[in-house]
């Protein structure tokens, strides 16, 4: 695995004592921290005693791209249900990079200069909000000490809120050493068969993509979209917020409630598509045109949700309609 989750170097640079939690590489960090930070029934929450500092990960540039492309090896994350489908190594690596708030990149010296710069560019697109440091920066305590002091920047997005699939899209603008991010949005449901047909045009140059879909055959379900390397995962991830469902609104993250209010449609509510694609030499115009052609046209939209259920669906089929299916 490319990631070594370790706050030791940062803690050593601190001027006051801290509790440092070093996680093994096979932990899915965000769900773990969300559970750790959850207020247990009958006990005081951990947040009454501690402030949550940034999550830091170490990255080896020599393995970054190969791990993000590795779909032929499985990664079993600690805490997974025994019957859970194991993740590809690419998906596990991408999740760990995206969970970080600080990334420490190993500096292999002058001979690895090109690889190091390319890795920094890719990391900046995979996780635009994270701070990227070189391991030689550990010698400069003025850079590392502030990272052990929790502040509004880190506290604003707690682990549980960051797990919400319908979250604000994070995208780095511009092109860095050939790496670019393309954000695609649509307020129309996707035709599942046309989406399946355009995937060969969309995915070959994509290293990582993430987001959520409004699919015509499942109009009430949020469908999460995640790809790493050549592996694409589509999964039901809850339901769209509806007027009057007070419990669902309270359970949603504050960012999602804000977005839902901002994007609310009188007929379709918060339903929409939003995916970020990250890769090298992406053809943005071709990617957007292919996805735009996969949404319902005016005639199909006018048929209504009852008729949408009859559309051919080679991607999702009946798997997530089955009440007994795994979520």
C-alpha atoms as a PDB file:
ATOM      1  CA  UNK A   1       0.000   0.000   0.000  1.00  0.00           C
ATOM      2  CA  UNK A   2       1.314   3.481  -0.782  1.00  0.00           C
ATOM      3  CA  UNK A   3       0.139   5.000   2.471  1.00  0.00           C
ATOM      4  CA  UNK A   4       1.825   5.068   5.860  1.00  0.00           C
ATOM      5  CA  UNK A   5      -0.590   6.804   8.230  1.00  0.00           C
ATOM      6  CA  UNK A   6       1.707   8.352  10.795  1.00  0.00           C
ATOM      7  CA  UNK A   7       1.487  11.597  12.766  1.00  0.00           C
ATOM      8  CA  UNK A   8       4.710  10.914  14.660  1.00  0.00           C
ATOM      9  CA  UNK A   9       6.888  13.372  12.739  1.00  0.00           C
ATOM     10  CA  UNK A  10       4.352  16.136  13.225  1.00  0.00           C
ATOM     11  CA  UNK A  11       3.955  15.402  16.929  1.00  0.00           C
ATOM     12  CA  UNK A  12       7.723  15.472  17.444  1.00  0.00           C
ATOM     13  CA  UNK A  13       7.772  18.982  16.014  1.00  0.00           C
ATOM     14  CA  UNK A  14       5.030  20.194  18.359  1.00  0.00           C
ATOM     15  CA  UNK A  15       5.770  22.454  21.297  1.00  0.00           C
ATOM     16  CA  UNK A  16       3.035  20.993  23.527  1.00  0.00           C
ATOM     17  CA  UNK A  17       1.943  17.408  24.270  1.00  0.00           C
ATOM     18  CA  UNK A  18      -0.473  15.657  21.917  1.00  0.00           C
ATOM     19  CA  UNK A  19      -2.108  12.259  21.621  1.00  0.00           C
ATOM     20  CA  UNK A  20      -0.931  10.745  18.346  1.00  0.00           C
ATOM     21  CA  UNK A  21      -2.917   7.906  16.802  1.00  0.00           C
ATOM     22  CA  UNK A  22      -0.870   5.937  14.243  1.00  0.00           C
ATOM     23  CA  UNK A  23      -3.208   3.841  12.098  1.00  0.00           C
ATOM     24  CA  UNK A  24      -2.121   0.743  10.174  1.00  0.00           C
ATOM     25  CA  UNK A  25      -2.227   0.937   6.409  1.00  0.00           C
ATOM     26  CA  UNK A  26      -5.272  -1.328   6.064  1.00  0.00           C
ATOM     27  CA  UNK A  27      -7.681   0.995   7.908  1.00  0.00           C
ATOM     28  CA  UNK A  28     -10.315   2.936   5.970  1.00  0.00           C
ATOM     29  CA  UNK A  29      -9.525   6.144   7.848  1.00  0.00           C
ATOM     30  CA  UNK A  30     -12.690   8.235   7.514  1.00  0.00           C
ATOM     31  CA  UNK A  31     -15.213   5.585   8.673  1.00  0.00           C
ATOM     32  CA  UNK A  32     -12.846   4.662  11.506  1.00  0.00           C
ATOM     33  CA  UNK A  33     -12.529   8.257  12.716  1.00  0.00           C
ATOM     34  CA  UNK A  34     -16.247   8.911  12.279  1.00  0.00           C
ATOM     35  CA  UNK A  35     -17.028   5.967  14.546  1.00  0.00           C
ATOM     36  CA  UNK A  36     -14.323   6.988  17.020  1.00  0.00           C
ATOM     37  CA  UNK A  37     -15.648  10.540  17.162  1.00  0.00           C
ATOM     38  CA  UNK A  38     -19.308   9.486  17.418  1.00  0.00           C
ATOM     39  CA  UNK A  39     -20.957  10.315  20.748  1.00  0.00           C
ATOM     40  CA  UNK A  40     -21.597   6.982  22.546  1.00  0.00           C
ATOM     41  CA  UNK A  41     -24.889   6.522  24.358  1.00  0.00           C
ATOM     42  CA  UNK A  42     -24.591   7.217  28.066  1.00  0.00           C
ATOM     43  CA  UNK A  43     -21.005   8.502  27.842  1.00  0.00           C
ATOM     44  CA  UNK A  44     -19.421  11.847  27.206  1.00  0.00           C
ATOM     45  CA  UNK A  45     -18.271  12.361  23.617  1.00  0.00           C
ATOM     46  CA  UNK A  46     -14.573  12.231  22.857  1.00  0.00           C
ATOM     47  CA  UNK A  47     -14.805  15.789  21.534  1.00  0.00           C
ATOM     48  CA  UNK A  48     -15.397  16.976  25.122  1.00  0.00           C
ATOM     49  CA  UNK A  49     -11.843  15.947  25.968  1.00  0.00           C
ATOM     50  CA  UNK A  50      -9.876  16.274  22.733  1.00  0.00           C
ATOM     51  CA  UNK A  51      -9.693  18.489  19.671  1.00  0.00           C
ATOM     52  CA  UNK A  52      -9.382  16.646  16.380  1.00  0.00           C
ATOM     53  CA  UNK A  53      -6.128  17.490  14.610  1.00  0.00           C
ATOM     54  CA  UNK A  54      -5.495  16.857  10.900  1.00  0.00           C
ATOM     55  CA  UNK A  55      -5.174  13.341   9.517  1.00  0.00           C
ATOM     56  CA  UNK A  56      -1.745  12.937   7.935  1.00  0.00           C
ATOM     57  CA  UNK A  57      -0.611  10.250   5.494  1.00  0.00           C
ATOM     58  CA  UNK A  58       2.773   9.469   3.998  1.00  0.00           C
ATOM     59  CA  UNK A  59       3.013   8.841   0.263  1.00  0.00           C
ATOM     60  CA  UNK A  60       5.784   7.121  -1.690  1.00  0.00           C
ATOM     61  CA  UNK A  61       5.928   8.704  -5.175  1.00  0.00           C
ATOM     62  CA  UNK A  62       7.588   5.579  -6.559  1.00  0.00           C
ATOM     63  CA  UNK A  63       4.367   3.620  -5.905  1.00  0.00           C
ATOM     64  CA  UNK A  64       1.635   6.227  -6.165  1.00  0.00           C
ATOM     65  CA  UNK A  65       0.595   5.841  -9.800  1.00  0.00           C
ATOM     66  CA  UNK A  66       1.082   2.056  -9.929  1.00  0.00           C
ATOM     67  CA  UNK A  67      -1.123   1.566  -6.850  1.00  0.00           C
ATOM     68  CA  UNK A  68      -3.805   3.884  -8.226  1.00  0.00           C
ATOM     69  CA  UNK A  69      -3.914   1.724 -11.359  1.00  0.00           C
ATOM     70  CA  UNK A  70      -3.812  -1.662  -9.610  1.00  0.00           C
ATOM     71  CA  UNK A  71      -7.176  -3.407 -10.049  1.00  0.00           C
ATOM     72  CA  UNK A  72      -5.961  -7.035 -10.147  1.00  0.00           C
ATOM     73  CA  UNK A  73      -5.115  -7.191  -6.428  1.00  0.00           C
ATOM     74  CA  UNK A  74      -7.606  -6.980  -3.561  1.00  0.00           C
ATOM     75  CA  UNK A  75      -7.240  -4.960  -0.376  1.00  0.00           C
ATOM     76  CA  UNK A  76      -9.128  -6.124   2.728  1.00  0.00           C
ATOM     77  CA  UNK A  77      -9.664  -3.134   4.983  1.00  0.00           C
ATOM     78  CA  UNK A  78      -9.708  -3.575   8.736  1.00  0.00           C
ATOM     79  CA  UNK A  79     -13.254  -3.686  10.117  1.00  0.00           C
ATOM     80  CA  UNK A  80     -14.898  -4.791   6.851  1.00  0.00           C
ATOM     81  CA  UNK A  81     -17.897  -7.095   7.232  1.00  0.00           C
ATOM     82  CA  UNK A  82     -16.771 -10.714   6.560  1.00  0.00           C
ATOM     83  CA  UNK A  83     -19.051 -10.885   3.508  1.00  0.00           C
ATOM     84  CA  UNK A  84     -18.080  -7.459   2.177  1.00  0.00           C
ATOM     85  CA  UNK A  85     -16.617  -7.356  -1.315  1.00  0.00           C
ATOM     86  CA  UNK A  86     -12.900  -6.503  -0.978  1.00  0.00           C
ATOM     87  CA  UNK A  87     -11.695  -3.290  -2.554  1.00  0.00           C
ATOM     88  CA  UNK A  88      -9.189  -3.127  -5.352  1.00  0.00           C
ATOM     89  CA  UNK A  89      -5.796  -1.847  -4.269  1.00  0.00           C
ATOM     90  CA  UNK A  90      -6.455   1.200  -6.467  1.00  0.00           C
ATOM     91  CA  UNK A  91      -9.695   2.071  -4.653  1.00  0.00           C
ATOM     92  CA  UNK A  92      -8.136   1.559  -1.209  1.00  0.00           C
ATOM     93  CA  UNK A  93      -5.176   3.784  -2.088  1.00  0.00           C
ATOM     94  CA  UNK A  94      -7.417   6.508  -3.524  1.00  0.00           C
ATOM     95  CA  UNK A  95      -9.602   6.539  -0.397  1.00  0.00           C
ATOM     96  CA  UNK A  96      -6.598   6.955   1.877  1.00  0.00           C
ATOM     97  CA  UNK A  97      -5.252   9.864  -0.160  1.00  0.00           C
ATOM     98  CA  UNK A  98      -8.690  11.528  -0.203  1.00  0.00           C
ATOM     99  CA  UNK A  99      -9.126  11.108   3.556  1.00  0.00           C
ATOM    100  CA  UNK A 100      -5.957  13.052   4.342  1.00  0.00           C
ATOM    101  CA  UNK A 101      -5.774  16.655   5.422  1.00  0.00           C
ATOM    102  CA  UNK A 102      -1.981  16.605   5.307  1.00  0.00           C
ATOM    103  CA  UNK A 103       0.127  14.514   2.922  1.00  0.00           C
ATOM    104  CA  UNK A 104       3.865  14.004   3.467  1.00  0.00           C
ATOM    105  CA  UNK A 105       5.542  13.032   0.200  1.00  0.00           C
ATOM    106  CA  UNK A 106       8.802  11.100   0.369  1.00  0.00           C
ATOM    107  CA  UNK A 107      11.604  12.957  -1.384  1.00  0.00           C
ATOM    108  CA  UNK A 108      13.864  10.515  -3.186  1.00  0.00           C
ATOM    109  CA  UNK A 109      16.388  13.164  -4.194  1.00  0.00           C
ATOM    110  CA  UNK A 110      17.424  14.696  -7.506  1.00  0.00           C
ATOM    111  CA  UNK A 111      17.109  11.415  -9.424  1.00  0.00           C
ATOM    112  CA  UNK A 112      13.383  11.255  -8.602  1.00  0.00           C
ATOM    113  CA  UNK A 113      12.669  14.926  -9.344  1.00  0.00           C
ATOM    114  CA  UNK A 114      10.317  14.287 -12.267  1.00  0.00           C
ATOM    115  CA  UNK A 115       8.376  11.590 -10.458  1.00  0.00           C
ATOM    116  CA  UNK A 116       8.117  13.768  -7.354  1.00  0.00           C
ATOM    117  CA  UNK A 117       6.708  16.724  -9.293  1.00  0.00           C
ATOM    118  CA  UNK A 118       4.230  14.486 -11.096  1.00  0.00           C
ATOM    119  CA  UNK A 119       3.097  12.959  -7.804  1.00  0.00           C
ATOM    120  CA  UNK A 120       2.587  16.384  -6.246  1.00  0.00           C
ATOM    121  CA  UNK A 121       0.464  17.408  -9.230  1.00  0.00           C
ATOM    122  CA  UNK A 122      -1.658  14.255  -9.045  1.00  0.00           C
ATOM    123  CA  UNK A 123      -2.139  14.526  -5.258  1.00  0.00           C
ATOM    124  CA  UNK A 124      -3.217  18.145  -5.637  1.00  0.00           C
ATOM    125  CA  UNK A 125      -6.049  17.017  -7.939  1.00  0.00           C
ATOM    126  CA  UNK A 126      -7.004  13.940  -5.913  1.00  0.00           C
ATOM    127  CA  UNK A 127      -7.333  15.985  -2.741  1.00  0.00           C
ATOM    128  CA  UNK A 128      -7.340  19.740  -3.492  1.00  0.00           C
ATOM    129  CA  UNK A 129      -8.005  20.780   0.119  1.00  0.00           C
ATOM    130  CA  UNK A 130      -5.049  18.884   1.629  1.00  0.00           C
ATOM    131  CA  UNK A 131      -1.659  20.365   2.456  1.00  0.00           C
ATOM    132  CA  UNK A 132       1.209  18.555   0.672  1.00  0.00           C
ATOM    133  CA  UNK A 133       4.647  18.578   2.310  1.00  0.00           C
ATOM    134  CA  UNK A 134       7.943  16.896   1.497  1.00  0.00           C
ATOM    135  CA  UNK A 135       9.434  14.654   4.170  1.00  0.00           C
ATOM    136  CA  UNK A 136      12.446  16.969   4.369  1.00  0.00           C
ATOM    137  CA  UNK A 137      10.040  19.611   5.691  1.00  0.00           C
ATOM    138  CA  UNK A 138       9.955  17.615   8.940  1.00  0.00           C
ATOM    139  CA  UNK A 139      13.156  19.430   9.864  1.00  0.00           C
ATOM    140  CA  UNK A 140      11.322  22.762   9.848  1.00  0.00           C
ATOM    141  CA  UNK A 141       9.123  22.853  12.939  1.00  0.00           C
ATOM    142  CA  UNK A 142       7.588  26.165  11.882  1.00  0.00           C
ATOM    143  CA  UNK A 143       5.827  24.274   9.068  1.00  0.00           C
ATOM    144  CA  UNK A 144       4.715  21.279  11.093  1.00  0.00           C
ATOM    145  CA  UNK A 145       3.861  22.700  14.506  1.00  0.00           C
ATOM    146  CA  UNK A 146       0.718  24.585  13.360  1.00  0.00           C
ATOM    147  CA  UNK A 147      -0.674  21.307  11.969  1.00  0.00           C
ATOM    148  CA  UNK A 148      -0.952  19.890  15.478  1.00  0.00           C
ATOM    149  CA  UNK A 149      -3.024  22.885  16.584  1.00  0.00           C
ATOM    150  CA  UNK A 150      -6.637  22.193  15.662  1.00  0.00           C
ATOM    151  CA  UNK A 151      -8.315  25.125  13.987  1.00  0.00           C
ATOM    152  CA  UNK A 152     -11.395  25.995  12.003  1.00  0.00           C
ATOM    153  CA  UNK A 153      -9.861  24.697   8.770  1.00  0.00           C
ATOM    154  CA  UNK A 154      -9.797  21.118  10.065  1.00  0.00           C
ATOM    155  CA  UNK A 155     -12.814  21.226  12.362  1.00  0.00           C
ATOM    156  CA  UNK A 156     -15.126  22.524   9.614  1.00  0.00           C
ATOM    157  CA  UNK A 157     -15.388  19.093   7.943  1.00  0.00           C
ATOM    158  CA  UNK A 158     -15.600  16.327  10.533  1.00  0.00           C
ATOM    159  CA  UNK A 159     -15.099  12.672   9.532  1.00  0.00           C
ATOM    160  CA  UNK A 160     -18.824  11.848   9.490  1.00  0.00           C
ATOM    161  CA  UNK A 161     -19.710  14.855   7.323  1.00  0.00           C
ATOM    162  CA  UNK A 162     -16.952  13.979   4.860  1.00  0.00           C
ATOM    163  CA  UNK A 163     -18.519  10.530   4.372  1.00  0.00           C
ATOM    164  CA  UNK A 164     -21.740  11.980   2.952  1.00  0.00           C
ATOM    165  CA  UNK A 165     -21.846  10.938  -0.718  1.00  0.00           C
ATOM    166  CA  UNK A 166     -23.835  14.028  -1.717  1.00  0.00           C
ATOM    167  CA  UNK A 167     -21.101  16.433  -0.674  1.00  0.00           C
ATOM    168  CA  UNK A 168     -19.648  19.550  -2.283  1.00  0.00           C
ATOM    169  CA  UNK A 169     -17.481  18.656  -5.264  1.00  0.00           C
ATOM    170  CA  UNK A 170     -13.780  19.339  -4.722  1.00  0.00           C
ATOM    171  CA  UNK A 171     -11.992  20.100  -7.963  1.00  0.00           C
ATOM    172  CA  UNK A 172      -8.642  21.679  -8.692  1.00  0.00           C
ATOM    173  CA  UNK A 173      -8.771  24.036 -11.646  1.00  0.00           C
ATOM    174  CA  UNK A 174      -6.123  24.191 -14.322  1.00  0.00           C
ATOM    175  CA  UNK A 175      -3.641  21.628 -15.649  1.00  0.00           C
ATOM    176  CA  UNK A 176      -0.581  20.585 -13.633  1.00  0.00           C
ATOM    177  CA  UNK A 177       2.068  18.577 -15.507  1.00  0.00           C
ATOM    178  CA  UNK A 178      -0.681  17.221 -17.772  1.00  0.00           C
ATOM    179  CA  UNK A 179      -3.023  16.293 -14.884  1.00  0.00           C
ATOM    180  CA  UNK A 180      -6.484  17.882 -14.989  1.00  0.00           C
ATOM    181  CA  UNK A 181      -9.837  17.607 -13.229  1.00  0.00           C
ATOM    182  CA  UNK A 182     -13.123  17.784 -15.128  1.00  0.00           C
ATOM    183  CA  UNK A 183     -16.398  18.429 -13.302  1.00  0.00           C
ATOM    184  CA  UNK A 184     -19.601  17.278 -15.018  1.00  0.00           C
ATOM    185  CA  UNK A 185     -23.056  18.209 -13.746  1.00  0.00           C
ATOM    186  CA  UNK A 186     -26.593  17.679 -15.018  1.00  0.00           C
ATOM    187  CA  UNK A 187     -30.095  18.249 -13.640  1.00  0.00           C
ATOM    188  CA  UNK A 188     -31.609  15.480 -15.794  1.00  0.00           C
ATOM    189  CA  UNK A 189     -31.697  11.744 -14.972  1.00  0.00           C
ATOM    190  CA  UNK A 190     -29.316   9.443 -16.794  1.00  0.00           C
ATOM    191  CA  UNK A 191     -30.493   6.799 -19.261  1.00  0.00           C
ATOM    192  CA  UNK A 192     -28.665   3.696 -17.914  1.00  0.00           C
ATOM    193  CA  UNK A 193     -28.207   1.982 -21.270  1.00  0.00           C
ATOM    194  CA  UNK A 194     -26.750   5.067 -22.943  1.00  0.00           C
ATOM    195  CA  UNK A 195     -24.494   5.602 -19.932  1.00  0.00           C
ATOM    196  CA  UNK A 196     -23.164   2.045 -20.302  1.00  0.00           C
ATOM    197  CA  UNK A 197     -22.547   2.612 -24.007  1.00  0.00           C
ATOM    198  CA  UNK A 198     -20.457   5.767 -23.540  1.00  0.00           C
ATOM    199  CA  UNK A 199     -18.204   4.423 -20.754  1.00  0.00           C
ATOM    200  CA  UNK A 200     -15.521   3.223 -23.227  1.00  0.00           C
ATOM    201  CA  UNK A 201     -15.260   6.814 -24.504  1.00  0.00           C
ATOM    202  CA  UNK A 202     -15.148   8.394 -21.058  1.00  0.00           C
ATOM    203  CA  UNK A 203     -12.978   6.190 -18.845  1.00  0.00           C
ATOM    204  CA  UNK A 204      -9.686   5.183 -20.575  1.00  0.00           C
ATOM    205  CA  UNK A 205      -7.655   8.263 -19.542  1.00  0.00           C
ATOM    206  CA  UNK A 206      -9.257   8.594 -16.093  1.00  0.00           C
ATOM    207  CA  UNK A 207      -7.105   7.754 -13.043  1.00  0.00           C
ATOM    208  CA  UNK A 208      -9.803   8.535 -10.480  1.00  0.00           C
ATOM    209  CA  UNK A 209     -13.423   9.675 -10.596  1.00  0.00           C
ATOM    210  CA  UNK A 210     -16.006  10.160  -7.856  1.00  0.00           C
ATOM    211  CA  UNK A 211     -19.481  11.588  -7.465  1.00  0.00           C
ATOM    212  CA  UNK A 212     -23.141  10.617  -7.490  1.00  0.00           C
ATOM    213  CA  UNK A 213     -25.856   9.960 -10.052  1.00  0.00           C
ATOM    214  CA  UNK A 214     -29.557  10.373 -10.610  1.00  0.00           C
ATOM    215  CA  UNK A 215     -30.413   7.278 -12.674  1.00  0.00           C
ATOM    216  CA  UNK A 216     -33.836   7.148 -14.343  1.00  0.00           C
ATOM    217  CA  UNK A 217     -34.527   3.518 -13.414  1.00  0.00           C
ATOM    218  CA  UNK A 218     -33.951   4.269  -9.702  1.00  0.00           C
ATOM    219  CA  UNK A 219     -35.304   7.819  -9.333  1.00  0.00           C
ATOM    220  CA  UNK A 220     -35.406   7.820  -5.510  1.00  0.00           C
ATOM    221  CA  UNK A 221     -31.909   6.387  -4.943  1.00  0.00           C
ATOM    222  CA  UNK A 222     -28.628   8.273  -4.749  1.00  0.00           C
ATOM    223  CA  UNK A 223     -26.179   6.170  -6.782  1.00  0.00           C
ATOM    224  CA  UNK A 224     -22.560   6.673  -5.789  1.00  0.00           C
ATOM    225  CA  UNK A 225     -19.957   6.657  -8.562  1.00  0.00           C
ATOM    226  CA  UNK A 226     -16.347   5.763  -7.790  1.00  0.00           C
ATOM    227  CA  UNK A 227     -13.608   4.593 -10.106  1.00  0.00           C
ATOM    228  CA  UNK A 228      -9.913   3.956  -9.566  1.00  0.00           C
ATOM    229  CA  UNK A 229      -7.830   2.657 -12.411  1.00  0.00           C
ATOM    230  CA  UNK A 230     -10.091   0.665 -14.724  1.00  0.00           C
ATOM    231  CA  UNK A 231     -12.521  -0.407 -12.001  1.00  0.00           C
ATOM    232  CA  UNK A 232     -15.860   1.428 -11.732  1.00  0.00           C
ATOM    233  CA  UNK A 233     -18.223   0.945  -8.796  1.00  0.00           C
ATOM    234  CA  UNK A 234     -21.860   2.060  -8.806  1.00  0.00           C
ATOM    235  CA  UNK A 235     -23.745   1.556  -5.548  1.00  0.00           C
ATOM    236  CA  UNK A 236     -26.931   2.710  -3.845  1.00  0.00           C
ATOM    237  CA  UNK A 237     -25.939   5.232  -1.182  1.00  0.00           C
ATOM    238  CA  UNK A 238     -29.191   6.271   0.446  1.00  0.00           C
ATOM    239  CA  UNK A 239     -32.080   8.348  -0.855  1.00  0.00           C
ATOM    240  CA  UNK A 240     -32.579  11.863  -2.104  1.00  0.00           C
ATOM    241  CA  UNK A 241     -33.905  14.350   0.440  1.00  0.00           C
ATOM    242  CA  UNK A 242     -37.627  14.990   0.188  1.00  0.00           C
ATOM    243  CA  UNK A 243     -39.885  17.769   1.409  1.00  0.00           C
ATOM    244  CA  UNK A 244     -41.255  16.961   4.843  1.00  0.00           C
ATOM    245  CA  UNK A 245     -38.751  14.197   5.702  1.00  0.00           C
ATOM    246  CA  UNK A 246     -37.430  15.952   8.812  1.00  0.00           C
ATOM    247  CA  UNK A 247     -35.423  12.950  10.018  1.00  0.00           C
ATOM    248  CA  UNK A 248     -33.474  12.644   6.755  1.00  0.00           C
ATOM    249  CA  UNK A 249     -32.718  16.371   6.703  1.00  0.00           C
ATOM    250  CA  UNK A 250     -31.394  16.261  10.265  1.00  0.00           C
ATOM    251  CA  UNK A 251     -29.245  13.213   9.513  1.00  0.00           C
ATOM    252  CA  UNK A 252     -27.659  14.845   6.447  1.00  0.00           C
ATOM    253  CA  UNK A 253     -24.447  16.822   6.779  1.00  0.00           C
ATOM    254  CA  UNK A 254     -24.702  20.598   7.006  1.00  0.00           C
ATOM    255  CA  UNK A 255     -22.967  20.907   3.620  1.00  0.00           C
ATOM    256  CA  UNK A 256     -25.538  18.624   1.996  1.00  0.00           C
ATOM    257  CA  UNK A 257     -28.464  20.547   3.485  1.00  0.00           C
ATOM    258  CA  UNK A 258     -26.987  23.777   2.166  1.00  0.00           C
ATOM    259  CA  UNK A 259     -26.454  22.305  -1.299  1.00  0.00           C
ATOM    260  CA  UNK A 260     -29.952  20.808  -1.352  1.00  0.00           C
ATOM    261  CA  UNK A 261     -31.492  24.181  -0.514  1.00  0.00           C
ATOM    262  CA  UNK A 262     -29.354  25.902  -3.136  1.00  0.00           C
ATOM    263  CA  UNK A 263     -30.115  23.414  -5.937  1.00  0.00           C
ATOM    264  CA  UNK A 264     -33.706  22.594  -4.962  1.00  0.00           C
ATOM    265  CA  UNK A 265     -36.120  22.022  -7.826  1.00  0.00           C
ATOM    266  CA  UNK A 266     -39.869  22.295  -7.188  1.00  0.00           C
ATOM    267  CA  UNK A 267     -40.512  18.998  -9.003  1.00  0.00           C
ATOM    268  CA  UNK A 268     -37.364  16.905  -8.553  1.00  0.00           C
ATOM    269  CA  UNK A 269     -35.960  18.253  -5.273  1.00  0.00           C
ATOM    270  CA  UNK A 270     -32.185  17.887  -4.882  1.00  0.00           C
ATOM    271  CA  UNK A 271     -31.797  15.235  -7.601  1.00  0.00           C
ATOM    272  CA  UNK A 272     -28.859  15.806  -9.901  1.00  0.00           C
ATOM    273  CA  UNK A 273     -25.671  14.275 -11.319  1.00  0.00           C
ATOM    274  CA  UNK A 274     -22.200  15.392 -10.299  1.00  0.00           C
ATOM    275  CA  UNK A 275     -18.911  13.617 -11.087  1.00  0.00           C
ATOM    276  CA  UNK A 276     -15.283  14.765 -10.947  1.00  0.00           C
ATOM    277  CA  UNK A 277     -12.892  13.028 -13.374  1.00  0.00           C
ATOM    278  CA  UNK A 278      -9.120  13.178 -12.773  1.00  0.00           C
ATOM    279  CA  UNK A 279      -6.510  12.056 -15.259  1.00  0.00           C
ATOM    280  CA  UNK A 280      -3.779  13.012 -17.679  1.00  0.00           C
ATOM    281  CA  UNK A 281      -4.526  14.435 -21.108  1.00  0.00           C
ATOM    282  CA  UNK A 282      -8.298  14.355 -20.566  1.00  0.00           C
ATOM    283  CA  UNK A 283     -10.367  15.555 -23.521  1.00  0.00           C
ATOM    284  CA  UNK A 284     -12.797  17.738 -21.575  1.00  0.00           C
ATOM    285  CA  UNK A 285     -15.083  18.605 -24.473  1.00  0.00           C
ATOM    286  CA  UNK A 286     -15.416  14.982 -25.599  1.00  0.00           C
ATOM    287  CA  UNK A 287     -16.042  13.789 -22.040  1.00  0.00           C
ATOM    288  CA  UNK A 288     -18.771  16.356 -21.398  1.00  0.00           C
ATOM    289  CA  UNK A 289     -20.438  15.742 -24.775  1.00  0.00           C
ATOM    290  CA  UNK A 290     -20.575  11.976 -24.194  1.00  0.00           C
ATOM    291  CA  UNK A 291     -22.159  12.351 -20.757  1.00  0.00           C
ATOM    292  CA  UNK A 292     -24.594  15.031 -21.937  1.00  0.00           C
ATOM    293  CA  UNK A 293     -25.814  12.585 -24.595  1.00  0.00           C
ATOM    294  CA  UNK A 294     -26.549   9.977 -21.904  1.00  0.00           C
ATOM    295  CA  UNK A 295     -29.226  11.977 -20.044  1.00  0.00           C
ATOM    296  CA  UNK A 296     -32.926  11.732 -20.893  1.00  0.00           C
ATOM    297  CA  UNK A 297     -34.135  13.890 -23.761  1.00  0.00           C
ATOM    298  CA  UNK A 298     -37.310  15.985 -23.553  1.00  0.00           C
ATOM    299  CA  UNK A 299     -39.564  13.162 -24.761  1.00  0.00           C
ATOM    300  CA  UNK A 300     -38.134  10.633 -22.333  1.00  0.00           C
ATOM    301  CA  UNK A 301     -38.287  13.096 -19.462  1.00  0.00           C
ATOM    302  CA  UNK A 302     -41.977  13.742 -20.145  1.00  0.00           C
ATOM    303  CA  UNK A 303     -42.800  10.028 -19.746  1.00  0.00           C
ATOM    304  CA  UNK A 304     -42.381  10.295 -15.971  1.00  0.00           C
ATOM    305  CA  UNK A 305     -40.764   8.055 -13.365  1.00  0.00           C
ATOM    306  CA  UNK A 306     -43.304   5.230 -13.773  1.00  0.00           C
ATOM    307  CA  UNK A 307     -42.231   4.706 -17.388  1.00  0.00           C
ATOM    308  CA  UNK A 308     -38.536   5.254 -16.651  1.00  0.00           C
ATOM    309  CA  UNK A 309     -38.554   2.025 -14.649  1.00  0.00           C
ATOM    310  CA  UNK A 310     -39.022   0.096 -17.920  1.00  0.00           C
ATOM    311  CA  UNK A 311     -35.849   1.445 -19.538  1.00  0.00           C
ATOM    312  CA  UNK A 312     -33.149  -1.158 -20.270  1.00  0.00           C
ATOM    313  CA  UNK A 313     -30.554  -1.082 -17.488  1.00  0.00           C
ATOM    314  CA  UNK A 314     -27.372  -3.107 -18.129  1.00  0.00           C
ATOM    315  CA  UNK A 315     -25.494  -1.324 -15.328  1.00  0.00           C
ATOM    316  CA  UNK A 316     -27.713  -1.701 -12.275  1.00  0.00           C
ATOM    317  CA  UNK A 317     -30.318  -4.216 -13.405  1.00  0.00           C
ATOM    318  CA  UNK A 318     -32.509  -5.374 -10.528  1.00  0.00           C
ATOM    319  CA  UNK A 319     -29.684  -5.726  -8.017  1.00  0.00           C
ATOM    320  CA  UNK A 320     -30.470  -2.682  -5.897  1.00  0.00           C
ATOM    321  CA  UNK A 321     -34.253  -3.007  -6.250  1.00  0.00           C
ATOM    322  CA  UNK A 322     -34.124  -6.277  -4.329  1.00  0.00           C
ATOM    323  CA  UNK A 323     -34.924  -5.446  -0.649  1.00  0.00           C
ATOM    324  CA  UNK A 324     -32.666  -8.284   0.463  1.00  0.00           C
ATOM    325  CA  UNK A 325     -29.656  -7.109  -1.537  1.00  0.00           C
ATOM    326  CA  UNK A 326     -26.525  -5.842   0.190  1.00  0.00           C
ATOM    327  CA  UNK A 327     -26.413  -2.013   0.309  1.00  0.00           C
END
